[in-house]
C-alpha atoms as a PDB file:
ATOM      1  CA  MET A   1      41.285 -11.956   5.544  1.00  0.00           C
ATOM      2  CA  THR A   2      44.337 -14.047   6.549  1.00  0.00           C
ATOM      3  CA  ASN A   3      47.029 -13.222   9.111  1.00  0.00           C
ATOM      4  CA  THR A   4      50.286 -15.254   9.535  1.00  0.00           C
ATOM      5  CA  ASP A   5      51.703 -15.856  13.025  1.00  0.00           C
ATOM      6  CA  GLU A   6      55.446 -14.969  12.917  1.00  0.00           C
ATOM      7  CA  LYS A   7      56.331 -17.406  15.768  1.00  0.00           C
ATOM      8  CA  THR A   8      54.495 -20.500  14.605  1.00  0.00           C
ATOM      9  CA  GLY A   9      54.132 -19.719  10.905  1.00  0.00           C
ATOM     10  CA  SER A  10      50.513 -20.861  11.058  1.00  0.00           C
ATOM     11  CA  SER A  11      47.822 -19.097   9.075  1.00  0.00           C
ATOM     12  CA  LYS A  12      44.910 -17.596  10.994  1.00  0.00           C
ATOM     13  CA  LYS A  13      41.758 -16.292   9.342  1.00  0.00           C
ATOM     14  CA  ILE A  14      39.886 -13.354  10.862  1.00  0.00           C
ATOM     15  CA  ILE A  15      36.151 -14.066  10.613  1.00  0.00           C
ATOM     16  CA  MET A  16      33.800 -11.161   9.938  1.00  0.00           C
ATOM     17  CA  HIS A  17      30.266 -12.230   9.070  1.00  0.00           C
ATOM     18  CA  SER A  18      26.953 -10.369   9.225  1.00  0.00           C
ATOM     19  CA  PHE A  19      23.858 -12.424   9.945  1.00  0.00           C
ATOM     20  CA  GLY A  20      20.873 -10.964   8.098  1.00  0.00           C
ATOM     21  CA  ASP A  21      18.825 -11.213   4.940  1.00  0.00           C
ATOM     22  CA  PRO A  22      18.686  -8.694   2.063  1.00  0.00           C
ATOM     23  CA  GLU A  23      15.562  -6.529   2.055  1.00  0.00           C
ATOM     24  CA  PRO A  24      13.724  -5.186  -1.020  1.00  0.00           C
ATOM     25  CA  VAL A  25      13.602  -1.413  -1.334  1.00  0.00           C
ATOM     26  CA  LEU A  26      10.807   0.515  -3.071  1.00  0.00           C
ATOM     27  CA  ASP A  27      12.054   3.511  -5.020  1.00  0.00           C
ATOM     28  CA  GLY A  28       9.282   5.888  -3.973  1.00  0.00           C
ATOM     29  CA  ARG A  29       6.732   7.355  -6.345  1.00  0.00           C
ATOM     30  CA  SER A  30       8.921   6.807  -9.422  1.00  0.00           C
ATOM     31  CA  MET A  31       7.752   3.191  -9.297  1.00  0.00           C
ATOM     32  CA  PHE A  32       4.158   4.344  -9.714  1.00  0.00           C
ATOM     33  CA  GLU A  33       4.066   7.389 -12.016  1.00  0.00           C
ATOM     34  CA  TYR A  34       5.313   7.454 -15.622  1.00  0.00           C
ATOM     35  CA  GLU A  35       4.071  10.979 -16.552  1.00  0.00           C
ATOM     36  CA  PHE A  36       2.869   9.652 -19.916  1.00  0.00           C
ATOM     37  CA  CYS A  37       0.676   6.881 -21.331  1.00  0.00           C
ATOM     38  CA  PRO A  38       2.677   4.112 -23.026  1.00  0.00           C
ATOM     39  CA  MET A  39       1.120   2.708 -26.191  1.00  0.00           C
ATOM     40  CA  TYR A  40       0.792  -1.059 -26.418  1.00  0.00           C
ATOM     41  CA  GLN A  41      -0.766  -2.831 -29.399  1.00  0.00           C
ATOM     42  CA  ASN A  42      -4.072  -1.005 -29.946  1.00  0.00           C
ATOM     43  CA  HIS A  43      -4.538   0.811 -26.623  1.00  0.00           C
ATOM     44  CA  TYR A  44      -2.955   3.201 -24.134  1.00  0.00           C
ATOM     45  CA  GLU A  45      -1.589   1.922 -20.834  1.00  0.00           C
ATOM     46  CA  TYR A  46      -2.059   3.828 -17.587  1.00  0.00           C
ATOM     47  CA  PRO A  47       0.420   6.582 -16.656  1.00  0.00           C
ATOM     48  CA  TYR A  48       1.130   4.725 -13.403  1.00  0.00           C
ATOM     49  CA  ASP A  49       1.683   1.139 -12.329  1.00  0.00           C
ATOM     50  CA  ILE A  50      -1.910   0.055 -11.831  1.00  0.00           C
ATOM     51  CA  ASP A  51      -0.910  -3.360 -10.461  1.00  0.00           C
ATOM     52  CA  ALA A  52       1.251  -1.717  -7.790  1.00  0.00           C
ATOM     53  CA  VAL A  53      -1.597   0.635  -6.861  1.00  0.00           C
ATOM     54  CA  ALA A  54      -3.955  -2.340  -6.571  1.00  0.00           C
ATOM     55  CA  LYS A  55      -1.525  -4.044  -4.183  1.00  0.00           C
ATOM     56  CA  LEU A  56      -1.124  -0.791  -2.257  1.00  0.00           C
ATOM     57  CA  TYR A  57      -4.867  -0.881  -1.488  1.00  0.00           C
ATOM     58  CA  HIS A  58      -4.327  -3.342   1.376  1.00  0.00           C
ATOM     59  CA  ALA A  59      -0.889  -2.048   2.432  1.00  0.00           C
ATOM     60  CA  THR A  60      -1.918  -0.289   5.654  1.00  0.00           C
ATOM     61  CA  SER A  61      -5.068   0.023   7.728  1.00  0.00           C
ATOM     62  CA  HIS A  62      -5.134   3.822   7.456  1.00  0.00           C
ATOM     63  CA  HIS A  63      -4.881   3.838   3.658  1.00  0.00           C
ATOM     64  CA  THR A  64      -7.587   1.209   3.250  1.00  0.00           C
ATOM     65  CA  SER A  65      -9.837   2.752   5.885  1.00  0.00           C
ATOM     66  CA  ALA A  66      -9.668   6.205   4.273  1.00  0.00           C
ATOM     67  CA  LEU A  67     -10.876   4.774   0.967  1.00  0.00           C
ATOM     68  CA  ILE A  68     -13.564   2.665   2.630  1.00  0.00           C
ATOM     69  CA  THR A  69     -14.819   5.689   4.608  1.00  0.00           C
ATOM     70  CA  LYS A  70     -15.482   7.602   1.390  1.00  0.00           C
ATOM     71  CA  ARG A  71     -17.057   4.535  -0.186  1.00  0.00           C
ATOM     72  CA  ASN A  72     -19.370   3.911   2.760  1.00  0.00           C
ATOM     73  CA  VAL A  73     -20.643   7.498   2.851  1.00  0.00           C
ATOM     74  CA  LEU A  74     -21.378   7.477  -0.877  1.00  0.00           C
ATOM     75  CA  VAL A  75     -23.102   4.082  -0.738  1.00  0.00           C
ATOM     76  CA  SER A  76     -25.193   5.074   2.288  1.00  0.00           C
ATOM     77  CA  LEU A  77     -26.560   8.088   0.383  1.00  0.00           C
ATOM     78  CA  TYR A  78     -27.130   6.310  -2.935  1.00  0.00           C
ATOM     79  CA  LYS A  79     -30.696   5.556  -4.062  1.00  0.00           C
ATOM     80  CA  PRO A  80     -30.683   2.100  -5.714  1.00  0.00           C
ATOM     81  CA  HIS A  81     -32.061   1.997  -9.257  1.00  0.00           C
ATOM     82  CA  PRO A  82     -33.295  -1.013 -11.261  1.00  0.00           C
ATOM     83  CA  LYS A  83     -30.659  -0.255 -13.892  1.00  0.00           C
ATOM     84  CA  LEU A  84     -27.808   0.187 -11.388  1.00  0.00           C
ATOM     85  CA  SER A  85     -27.992  -1.940  -8.264  1.00  0.00           C
ATOM     86  CA  ARG A  86     -26.331  -1.047  -4.985  1.00  0.00           C
ATOM     87  CA  LYS A  87     -23.725  -3.763  -5.526  1.00  0.00           C
ATOM     88  CA  ALA A  88     -22.890  -2.396  -8.976  1.00  0.00           C
ATOM     89  CA  PHE A  89     -22.657   1.110  -7.529  1.00  0.00           C
ATOM     90  CA  ILE A  90     -20.177  -0.100  -4.889  1.00  0.00           C
ATOM     91  CA  SER A  91     -17.987  -1.553  -7.651  1.00  0.00           C
ATOM     92  CA  LEU A  92     -18.169   1.715  -9.573  1.00  0.00           C
ATOM     93  CA  VAL A  93     -17.232   3.813  -6.537  1.00  0.00           C
ATOM     94  CA  ILE A  94     -14.332   1.701  -5.276  1.00  0.00           C
ATOM     95  CA  ASN A  95     -12.694   1.689  -8.729  1.00  0.00           C
ATOM     96  CA  LEU A  96     -13.041   5.460  -8.907  1.00  0.00           C
ATOM     97  CA  LEU A  97     -11.566   5.967  -5.438  1.00  0.00           C
ATOM     98  CA  VAL A  98      -8.655   3.536  -5.760  1.00  0.00           C
ATOM     99  CA  PHE A  99      -7.619   4.136  -9.380  1.00  0.00           C
ATOM    100  CA  ASP A 100      -9.259   7.521 -10.127  1.00  0.00           C
ATOM    101  CA  ASN A 101     -10.718   5.773 -13.165  1.00  0.00           C
ATOM    102  CA  ALA A 102     -14.201   4.261 -13.344  1.00  0.00           C
ATOM    103  CA  TYR A 103     -15.888   2.687 -16.353  1.00  0.00           C
ATOM    104  CA  VAL A 104     -19.572   1.999 -16.983  1.00  0.00           C
ATOM    105  CA  GLN A 105     -20.766  -0.175 -19.845  1.00  0.00           C
ATOM    106  CA  VAL A 106     -24.139   1.046 -21.146  1.00  0.00           C
ATOM    107  CA  VAL A 107     -26.205  -1.994 -22.150  1.00  0.00           C
ATOM    108  CA  ARG A 108     -29.098  -1.025 -24.454  1.00  0.00           C
ATOM    109  CA  ASN A 109     -32.018  -2.871 -26.029  1.00  0.00           C
ATOM    110  CA  ARG A 110     -32.761  -2.963 -29.745  1.00  0.00           C
ATOM    111  CA  LEU A 111     -34.746   0.256 -29.543  1.00  0.00           C
ATOM    112  CA  GLY A 112     -31.881   2.107 -27.886  1.00  0.00           C
ATOM    113  CA  GLY A 113     -33.300   2.132 -24.389  1.00  0.00           C
ATOM    114  CA  ILE A 114     -31.039   1.488 -21.438  1.00  0.00           C
ATOM    115  CA  LEU A 115     -31.288  -1.983 -19.937  1.00  0.00           C
ATOM    116  CA  GLU A 116     -28.437  -1.763 -17.461  1.00  0.00           C
ATOM    117  CA  LEU A 117     -25.391   0.211 -16.398  1.00  0.00           C
ATOM    118  CA  ARG A 118     -22.636  -2.346 -15.877  1.00  0.00           C
ATOM    119  CA  PRO A 119     -19.431  -1.185 -14.111  1.00  0.00           C
ATOM    120  CA  LYS A 120     -16.165  -2.605 -15.459  1.00  0.00           C
ATOM    121  CA  LEU A 121     -12.904  -3.156 -13.607  1.00  0.00           C
ATOM    122  CA  ALA A 122     -10.511  -0.267 -14.150  1.00  0.00           C
ATOM    123  CA  ARG A 123      -7.594  -2.665 -13.839  1.00  0.00           C
ATOM    124  CA  ASN A 124      -8.697  -4.454 -17.031  1.00  0.00           C
ATOM    125  CA  THR A 125      -9.997  -1.528 -19.108  1.00  0.00           C
ATOM    126  CA  ARG A 126      -7.918   0.561 -21.509  1.00  0.00           C
ATOM    127  CA  LYS A 127      -8.609   3.424 -23.911  1.00  0.00           C
ATOM    128  CA  ALA A 128      -8.142   2.720 -27.616  1.00  0.00           C
ATOM    129  CA  ILE A 129      -5.422   4.539 -29.529  1.00  0.00           C
ATOM    130  CA  LYS A 130      -7.795   5.202 -32.417  1.00  0.00           C
ATOM    131  CA  GLY A 131     -11.329   6.432 -31.880  1.00  0.00           C
ATOM    132  CA  ASP A 132     -13.321   6.652 -28.659  1.00  0.00           C
ATOM    133  CA  SER A 133     -13.633   2.938 -27.977  1.00  0.00           C
ATOM    134  CA  TYR A 134     -12.238   0.931 -25.052  1.00  0.00           C
ATOM    135  CA  TYR A 135     -10.672  -2.490 -24.655  1.00  0.00           C
ATOM    136  CA  HIS A 136     -10.900  -5.245 -22.085  1.00  0.00           C
ATOM    137  CA  VAL A 137      -7.315  -6.257 -21.330  1.00  0.00           C
ATOM    138  CA  ASP A 138      -6.296  -9.477 -19.619  1.00  0.00           C
ATOM    139  CA  TYR A 139      -2.699 -10.380 -20.402  1.00  0.00           C
ATOM    140  CA  ARG A 140      -3.237 -13.916 -19.125  1.00  0.00           C
ATOM    141  CA  GLN A 141      -5.832 -14.530 -21.848  1.00  0.00           C
ATOM    142  CA  GLY A 142      -4.038 -12.982 -24.801  1.00  0.00           C
ATOM    143  CA  ALA A 143      -5.126 -10.088 -27.028  1.00  0.00           C
ATOM    144  CA  ALA A 144      -7.335  -7.217 -25.872  1.00  0.00           C
ATOM    145  CA  ILE A 145     -11.045  -7.391 -26.701  1.00  0.00           C
ATOM    146  CA  GLU A 146     -12.854  -4.260 -27.886  1.00  0.00           C
ATOM    147  CA  TYR A 147     -16.144  -3.343 -26.224  1.00  0.00           C
ATOM    148  CA  ASN A 148     -19.051  -3.047 -28.639  1.00  0.00           C
ATOM    149  CA  GLU A 149     -21.265  -1.068 -26.252  1.00  0.00           C
ATOM    150  CA  GLN A 150     -20.845   2.526 -25.113  1.00  0.00           C
ATOM    151  CA  ILE A 151     -18.319   2.978 -22.307  1.00  0.00           C
ATOM    152  CA  ILE A 152     -18.546   5.953 -19.955  1.00  0.00           C
ATOM    153  CA  HIS A 153     -15.203   6.898 -18.448  1.00  0.00           C
ATOM    154  CA  LEU A 154     -15.085   8.870 -15.190  1.00  0.00           C
ATOM    155  CA  TYR A 155     -11.786  10.400 -14.083  1.00  0.00           C
ATOM    156  CA  ASN A 156     -10.193  13.600 -12.810  1.00  0.00           C
ATOM    157  CA  PRO A 157      -8.034  15.394 -15.396  1.00  0.00           C
ATOM    158  CA  ASP A 158      -4.278  15.035 -14.937  1.00  0.00           C
ATOM    159  CA  ILE A 159      -1.574  17.633 -15.579  1.00  0.00           C
ATOM    160  CA  ASN A 160       0.652  15.370 -17.708  1.00  0.00           C
ATOM    161  CA  GLN A 161      -1.781  13.550 -20.018  1.00  0.00           C
ATOM    162  CA  GLU A 162      -5.443  13.506 -21.067  1.00  0.00           C
ATOM    163  CA  MET A 163      -6.199   9.792 -21.250  1.00  0.00           C
ATOM    164  CA  TYR A 164      -6.587   8.676 -17.638  1.00  0.00           C
ATOM    165  CA  GLY A 165      -6.963   9.946 -14.116  1.00  0.00           C
ATOM    166  CA  VAL A 166      -4.178   9.607 -11.546  1.00  0.00           C
ATOM    167  CA  PRO A 167      -5.032   9.075  -7.851  1.00  0.00           C
ATOM    168  CA  ASP A 168      -4.287  12.116  -5.714  1.00  0.00           C
ATOM    169  CA  TYR A 169      -3.066   9.965  -2.850  1.00  0.00           C
ATOM    170  CA  LEU A 170      -0.012   8.832  -4.832  1.00  0.00           C
ATOM    171  CA  SER A 171       1.716  11.806  -3.217  1.00  0.00           C
ATOM    172  CA  SER A 172       1.443   9.780   0.016  1.00  0.00           C
ATOM    173  CA  VAL A 173       3.007   6.595  -1.357  1.00  0.00           C
ATOM    174  CA  ASN A 174       6.169   7.059   0.694  1.00  0.00           C
ATOM    175  CA  ALA A 175       4.147   7.531   3.885  1.00  0.00           C
ATOM    176  CA  ILE A 176       2.002   4.465   3.165  1.00  0.00           C
ATOM    177  CA  THR A 177       4.971   2.225   2.423  1.00  0.00           C
ATOM    178  CA  LEU A 178       6.922   3.624   5.406  1.00  0.00           C
ATOM    179  CA  ASN A 179       4.006   2.757   7.686  1.00  0.00           C
ATOM    180  CA  GLU A 180       3.879  -0.744   6.232  1.00  0.00           C
ATOM    181  CA  ALA A 181       7.663  -1.164   6.492  1.00  0.00           C
ATOM    182  CA  ALA A 182       7.633  -0.123  10.155  1.00  0.00           C
ATOM    183  CA  THR A 183       4.977  -2.717  10.936  1.00  0.00           C
ATOM    184  CA  LEU A 184       6.789  -5.454   9.010  1.00  0.00           C
ATOM    185  CA  PHE A 185      10.071  -4.609  10.734  1.00  0.00           C
ATOM    186  CA  ARG A 186       8.469  -4.844  14.152  1.00  0.00           C
ATOM    187  CA  ARG A 187       6.832  -8.156  13.198  1.00  0.00           C
ATOM    188  CA  ARG A 188      10.211  -9.576  12.172  1.00  0.00           C
ATOM    189  CA  TYR A 189      11.706  -8.245  15.398  1.00  0.00           C
ATOM    190  CA  TYR A 190       9.207 -10.108  17.587  1.00  0.00           C
ATOM    191  CA  LYS A 191       9.284 -13.192  15.385  1.00  0.00           C
ATOM    192  CA  ASN A 192      13.043 -13.212  15.879  1.00  0.00           C
ATOM    193  CA  GLY A 193      12.509 -13.455  19.632  1.00  0.00           C
ATOM    194  CA  ALA A 194      12.375  -9.717  20.435  1.00  0.00           C
ATOM    195  CA  HIS A 195      16.061  -9.663  19.603  1.00  0.00           C
ATOM    196  CA  ALA A 196      17.765  -6.947  17.581  1.00  0.00           C
ATOM    197  CA  GLY A 197      20.948  -8.871  16.862  1.00  0.00           C
ATOM    198  CA  TYR A 198      24.411  -9.078  18.360  1.00  0.00           C
ATOM    199  CA  ILE A 199      28.138  -9.324  17.613  1.00  0.00           C
ATOM    200  CA  LEU A 200      29.898 -12.486  18.801  1.00  0.00           C
ATOM    201  CA  HIS A 201      33.531 -11.492  19.405  1.00  0.00           C
ATOM    202  CA  VAL A 202      35.950 -14.395  19.944  1.00  0.00           C
ATOM    203  CA  SER A 203      39.542 -13.459  20.803  1.00  0.00           C
ATOM    204  CA  ASP A 204      40.640 -16.801  22.272  1.00  0.00           C
ATOM    205  CA  PRO A 205      42.680 -18.902  19.833  1.00  0.00           C
ATOM    206  CA  LEU A 206      40.643 -21.950  18.851  1.00  0.00           C
ATOM    207  CA  SER A 207      42.325 -25.270  18.171  1.00  0.00           C
ATOM    208  CA  THR A 208      41.744 -25.477  14.422  1.00  0.00           C
ATOM    209  CA  GLN A 209      40.010 -23.607  11.635  1.00  0.00           C
ATOM    210  CA  ASP A 210      37.352 -26.336  11.706  1.00  0.00           C
ATOM    211  CA  ASP A 211      36.449 -25.209  15.234  1.00  0.00           C
ATOM    212  CA  VAL A 212      35.969 -21.675  13.959  1.00  0.00           C
ATOM    213  CA  ASP A 213      33.796 -22.900  11.096  1.00  0.00           C
ATOM    214  CA  ASP A 214      31.687 -25.030  13.452  1.00  0.00           C
ATOM    215  CA  LEU A 215      31.108 -22.042  15.728  1.00  0.00           C
ATOM    216  CA  GLU A 216      30.126 -19.877  12.771  1.00  0.00           C
ATOM    217  CA  ASP A 217      27.619 -22.503  11.598  1.00  0.00           C
ATOM    218  CA  ALA A 218      26.166 -22.836  15.101  1.00  0.00           C
ATOM    219  CA  VAL A 219      25.606 -19.082  15.373  1.00  0.00           C
ATOM    220  CA  ARG A 220      24.057 -18.900  11.912  1.00  0.00           C
ATOM    221  CA  GLU A 221      21.588 -21.683  12.738  1.00  0.00           C
ATOM    222  CA  SER A 222      20.518 -19.973  15.965  1.00  0.00           C
ATOM    223  CA  LYS A 223      18.826 -17.025  14.218  1.00  0.00           C
ATOM    224  CA  GLY A 224      15.176 -16.743  13.221  1.00  0.00           C
ATOM    225  CA  ALA A 225      12.072 -18.056  14.965  1.00  0.00           C
ATOM    226  CA  GLY A 226      12.801 -19.724  18.292  1.00  0.00           C
ATOM    227  CA  ASN A 227      15.883 -17.636  18.932  1.00  0.00           C
ATOM    228  CA  PHE A 228      18.038 -17.744  22.086  1.00  0.00           C
ATOM    229  CA  LYS A 229      18.906 -21.397  21.755  1.00  0.00           C
ATOM    230  CA  ASN A 230      21.515 -22.642  24.213  1.00  0.00           C
ATOM    231  CA  LEU A 231      25.012 -22.677  22.750  1.00  0.00           C
ATOM    232  CA  PHE A 232      27.839 -24.663  24.384  1.00  0.00           C
ATOM    233  CA  MET A 233      31.383 -23.496  23.706  1.00  0.00           C
ATOM    234  CA  TYR A 234      34.572 -24.965  25.208  1.00  0.00           C
ATOM    235  CA  THR A 235      37.883 -23.099  24.956  1.00  0.00           C
ATOM    236  CA  PRO A 236      40.740 -24.756  26.912  1.00  0.00           C
ATOM    237  CA  ASN A 237      42.942 -22.246  28.751  1.00  0.00           C
ATOM    238  CA  GLY A 238      40.704 -19.434  27.518  1.00  0.00           C
ATOM    239  CA  LYS A 239      40.751 -15.938  28.939  1.00  0.00           C
ATOM    240  CA  PRO A 240      37.769 -14.601  30.964  1.00  0.00           C
ATOM    241  CA  ASP A 241      36.891 -12.150  28.175  1.00  0.00           C
ATOM    242  CA  GLY A 242      37.942 -14.410  25.345  1.00  0.00           C
ATOM    243  CA  VAL A 243      34.324 -14.732  24.139  1.00  0.00           C
ATOM    244  CA  LYS A 244      32.046 -11.698  24.221  1.00  0.00           C
ATOM    245  CA  VAL A 245      28.457 -11.211  23.103  1.00  0.00           C
ATOM    246  CA  ILE A 246      27.969  -7.544  22.230  1.00  0.00           C
ATOM    247  CA  PRO A 247      24.236  -6.707  21.830  1.00  0.00           C
ATOM    248  CA  LEU A 248      23.233  -4.080  19.307  1.00  0.00           C
ATOM    249  CA  ALA A 249      21.294  -0.967  20.274  1.00  0.00           C
ATOM    250  CA  GLU A 250      17.916  -1.616  21.845  1.00  0.00           C
ATOM    251  CA  VAL A 251      15.339  -1.426  19.062  1.00  0.00           C
ATOM    252  CA  ALA A 252      12.528  -0.272  21.334  1.00  0.00           C
ATOM    253  CA  ALA A 253      14.485   2.898  22.108  1.00  0.00           C
ATOM    254  CA  LYS A 254      16.124   3.535  18.753  1.00  0.00           C
ATOM    255  CA  ASP A 255      13.728   2.777  15.923  1.00  0.00           C
ATOM    256  CA  GLU A 256      11.042   5.308  16.976  1.00  0.00           C
ATOM    257  CA  PHE A 257       8.346   2.847  15.940  1.00  0.00           C
ATOM    258  CA  ALA A 258       5.422   4.743  17.478  1.00  0.00           C
ATOM    259  CA  ASN A 259       6.521   8.118  16.081  1.00  0.00           C
ATOM    260  CA  ILE A 260       7.031   6.655  12.615  1.00  0.00           C
ATOM    261  CA  LYS A 261       3.564   5.105  12.698  1.00  0.00           C
ATOM    262  CA  ILE A 262       1.923   8.354  13.803  1.00  0.00           C
ATOM    263  CA  ALA A 263       3.794  10.590  11.340  1.00  0.00           C
ATOM    264  CA  SER A 264       3.175   8.269   8.376  1.00  0.00           C
ATOM    265  CA  ARG A 265      -0.473   7.901   9.418  1.00  0.00           C
ATOM    266  CA  ASP A 266      -0.960  11.675   9.436  1.00  0.00           C
ATOM    267  CA  ASP A 267       0.673  12.017   6.011  1.00  0.00           C
ATOM    268  CA  THR A 268      -1.545   9.256   4.646  1.00  0.00           C
ATOM    269  CA  LEU A 269      -4.735  10.863   5.951  1.00  0.00           C
ATOM    270  CA  ALA A 270      -3.621  14.245   4.600  1.00  0.00           C
ATOM    271  CA  GLY A 271      -3.243  12.654   1.171  1.00  0.00           C
ATOM    272  CA  HIS A 272      -6.796  11.308   1.397  1.00  0.00           C
ATOM    273  CA  ARG A 273      -8.214  14.412   3.135  1.00  0.00           C
ATOM    274  CA  VAL A 274     -10.192  12.274   5.598  1.00  0.00           C
ATOM    275  CA  PRO A 275     -10.645  13.419   9.235  1.00  0.00           C
ATOM    276  CA  PRO A 276      -9.092  10.825  11.566  1.00  0.00           C
ATOM    277  CA  GLN A 277     -12.098  10.762  13.923  1.00  0.00           C
ATOM    278  CA  LEU A 278     -14.275   9.400  11.099  1.00  0.00           C
ATOM    279  CA  MET A 279     -11.977   6.381  10.796  1.00  0.00           C
ATOM    280  CA  GLY A 280     -11.827   5.381  14.442  1.00  0.00           C
ATOM    281  CA  VAL A 281      -8.269   6.649  14.967  1.00  0.00           C
ATOM    282  CA  VAL A 282      -7.452   7.011  18.668  1.00  0.00           C
ATOM    283  CA  PRO A 283      -6.140  10.530  19.483  1.00  0.00           C
ATOM    284  CA  ASN A 284      -2.741  10.890  21.131  1.00  0.00           C
ATOM    285  CA  ASN A 285      -3.718  13.847  23.313  1.00  0.00           C
ATOM    286  CA  ALA A 286      -6.385  14.448  25.925  1.00  0.00           C
ATOM    287  CA  GLY A 287      -8.211  17.006  23.767  1.00  0.00           C
ATOM    288  CA  GLY A 288      -8.943  14.553  20.983  1.00  0.00           C
ATOM    289  CA  PHE A 289      -9.632  15.501  17.360  1.00  0.00           C
ATOM    290  CA  GLY A 290     -12.515  17.884  18.005  1.00  0.00           C
ATOM    291  CA  ASP A 291     -16.222  17.707  17.188  1.00  0.00           C
ATOM    292  CA  THR A 292     -16.888  14.636  15.043  1.00  0.00           C
ATOM    293  CA  LYS A 293     -20.152  16.034  13.670  1.00  0.00           C
ATOM    294  CA  LYS A 294     -18.531  19.240  12.443  1.00  0.00           C
ATOM    295  CA  ALA A 295     -15.683  17.263  10.903  1.00  0.00           C
ATOM    296  CA  ALA A 296     -18.204  15.046   9.097  1.00  0.00           C
ATOM    297  CA  GLU A 297     -20.037  18.092   7.724  1.00  0.00           C
ATOM    298  CA  VAL A 298     -16.850  19.662   6.363  1.00  0.00           C
ATOM    299  CA  PHE A 299     -15.787  16.295   4.962  1.00  0.00           C
ATOM    300  CA  TYR A 300     -19.123  15.952   3.153  1.00  0.00           C
ATOM    301  CA  TYR A 301     -18.989  19.376   1.504  1.00  0.00           C
ATOM    302  CA  HIS A 302     -15.303  19.214   0.583  1.00  0.00           C
ATOM    303  CA  GLU A 303     -15.008  15.587  -0.541  1.00  0.00           C
ATOM    304  CA  ILE A 304     -18.245  13.620  -0.809  1.00  0.00           C
ATOM    305  CA  LEU A 305     -20.260  16.281  -2.623  1.00  0.00           C
ATOM    306  CA  THR A 306     -17.512  16.593  -5.240  1.00  0.00           C
ATOM    307  CA  LEU A 307     -17.567  12.838  -5.832  1.00  0.00           C
ATOM    308  CA  GLN A 308     -21.369  12.853  -6.055  1.00  0.00           C
ATOM    309  CA  ASN A 309     -21.320  15.539  -8.740  1.00  0.00           C
ATOM    310  CA  MET A 310     -18.738  13.522 -10.632  1.00  0.00           C
ATOM    311  CA  LEU A 311     -20.954  10.417 -10.518  1.00  0.00           C
ATOM    312  CA  LEU A 312     -24.062  12.405 -11.483  1.00  0.00           C
ATOM    313  CA  ASP A 313     -22.339  13.212 -14.769  1.00  0.00           C
ATOM    314  CA  ILE A 314     -23.310   9.687 -15.859  1.00  0.00           C
ATOM    315  CA  ASN A 315     -26.955  10.812 -16.017  1.00  0.00           C
ATOM    316  CA  ASP A 316     -26.071  13.558 -18.499  1.00  0.00           C
ATOM    317  CA  GLN A 317     -24.182  11.140 -20.727  1.00  0.00           C
ATOM    318  CA  VAL A 318     -26.975   8.535 -20.893  1.00  0.00           C
ATOM    319  CA  GLY A 319     -29.837  11.053 -20.970  1.00  0.00           C
ATOM    320  CA  GLU A 320     -31.675   9.487 -18.030  1.00  0.00           C
ATOM    321  CA  GLU A 321     -31.629   9.988 -14.267  1.00  0.00           C
ATOM    322  CA  ILE A 322     -30.303   6.714 -12.923  1.00  0.00           C
ATOM    323  CA  ILE A 323     -27.928   7.906 -10.215  1.00  0.00           C
ATOM    324  CA  SER A 324     -29.376   9.977  -7.379  1.00  0.00           C
ATOM    325  CA  PHE A 325     -28.544  10.526  -3.715  1.00  0.00           C
ATOM    326  CA  ASN A 326     -30.389  11.083  -0.483  1.00  0.00           C
ATOM    327  CA  GLU A 327     -29.689  14.194   1.543  1.00  0.00           C
ATOM    328  CA  TYR A 328     -26.932  13.961   4.116  1.00  0.00           C
ATOM    329  CA  GLU A 329     -28.644  13.710   7.498  1.00  0.00           C
ATOM    330  CA  LEU A 330     -26.111  15.863   9.350  1.00  0.00           C
ATOM    331  CA  THR A 331     -26.620  18.791   7.001  1.00  0.00           C
ATOM    332  CA  LYS A 332     -30.371  18.181   6.841  1.00  0.00           C
ATOM    333  CA  SER A 333     -30.792  18.581  10.608  1.00  0.00           C
ATOM    334  CA  GLN A 334     -29.157  22.000  10.490  1.00  0.00           C
ATOM    335  CA  GLU A 335     -31.612  23.489   8.024  1.00  0.00           C
END
């Protein structure tokens, strides 16, 4: 914007410049759920962005910890079998919990007996368009490869399609990403020198436009890590208030960081249905979260037992008892 001085006829440019970087914005759950299964080549794709869900796994400590809590309880109760090792069972469980889809390749001998149950990565397994077969998909290696052996597919039925399961916790995507965004914002804030930003208002007339440009460059270079560099500015015959630094609102008081973290944490745990005391979450009140043992018992009957029954379905499909679980000690002591 240019303004012309009527007395001198000189042209003066009003400088308005914001110092900041553009930030990516995630468009909520629409980025994850498609509500149908796209067909590609000879197989169906997932009804959600499976790569985004895989990245979401490590987004926040509460989201990851909720999944790991369920995994650890299931693994601690599992009885290892020669045809399905504990390590293989862990792989099976974590794929089921994260993607709500788990695949087991049934390896048989020539007589039809079972040699091994081999879990496959849900991220690389797709259901065939024709028939009941499945494909191994790796877009970095080219075309999909069809499995010759029997594939057992575990998933919870969805309301929009019948091919794949959809994780229940996707309803908490906004809470998970909000929690992550709050942490990243606070990290940038401290990396920037615990400085929220400011407006440098210069009303004194500088000698030339080059002086204005030099000042603008100096301010731009002062941002980022190692902020609060010393800046020397000389304005001959300047007024006392000719140069003002106007700080923006104090972030510690305005961004509600702690409240955002707590609210998004609670929404995340509600999406996973995991009691916070089982994850080591520190309570915000003096009363705490209640009896941990009782919470663990309810959690077992409402969540873990359902997952166990789902995994036991593998035995029915192969005609042999390979998966079995020990009794939960907390419920055993009550009887």
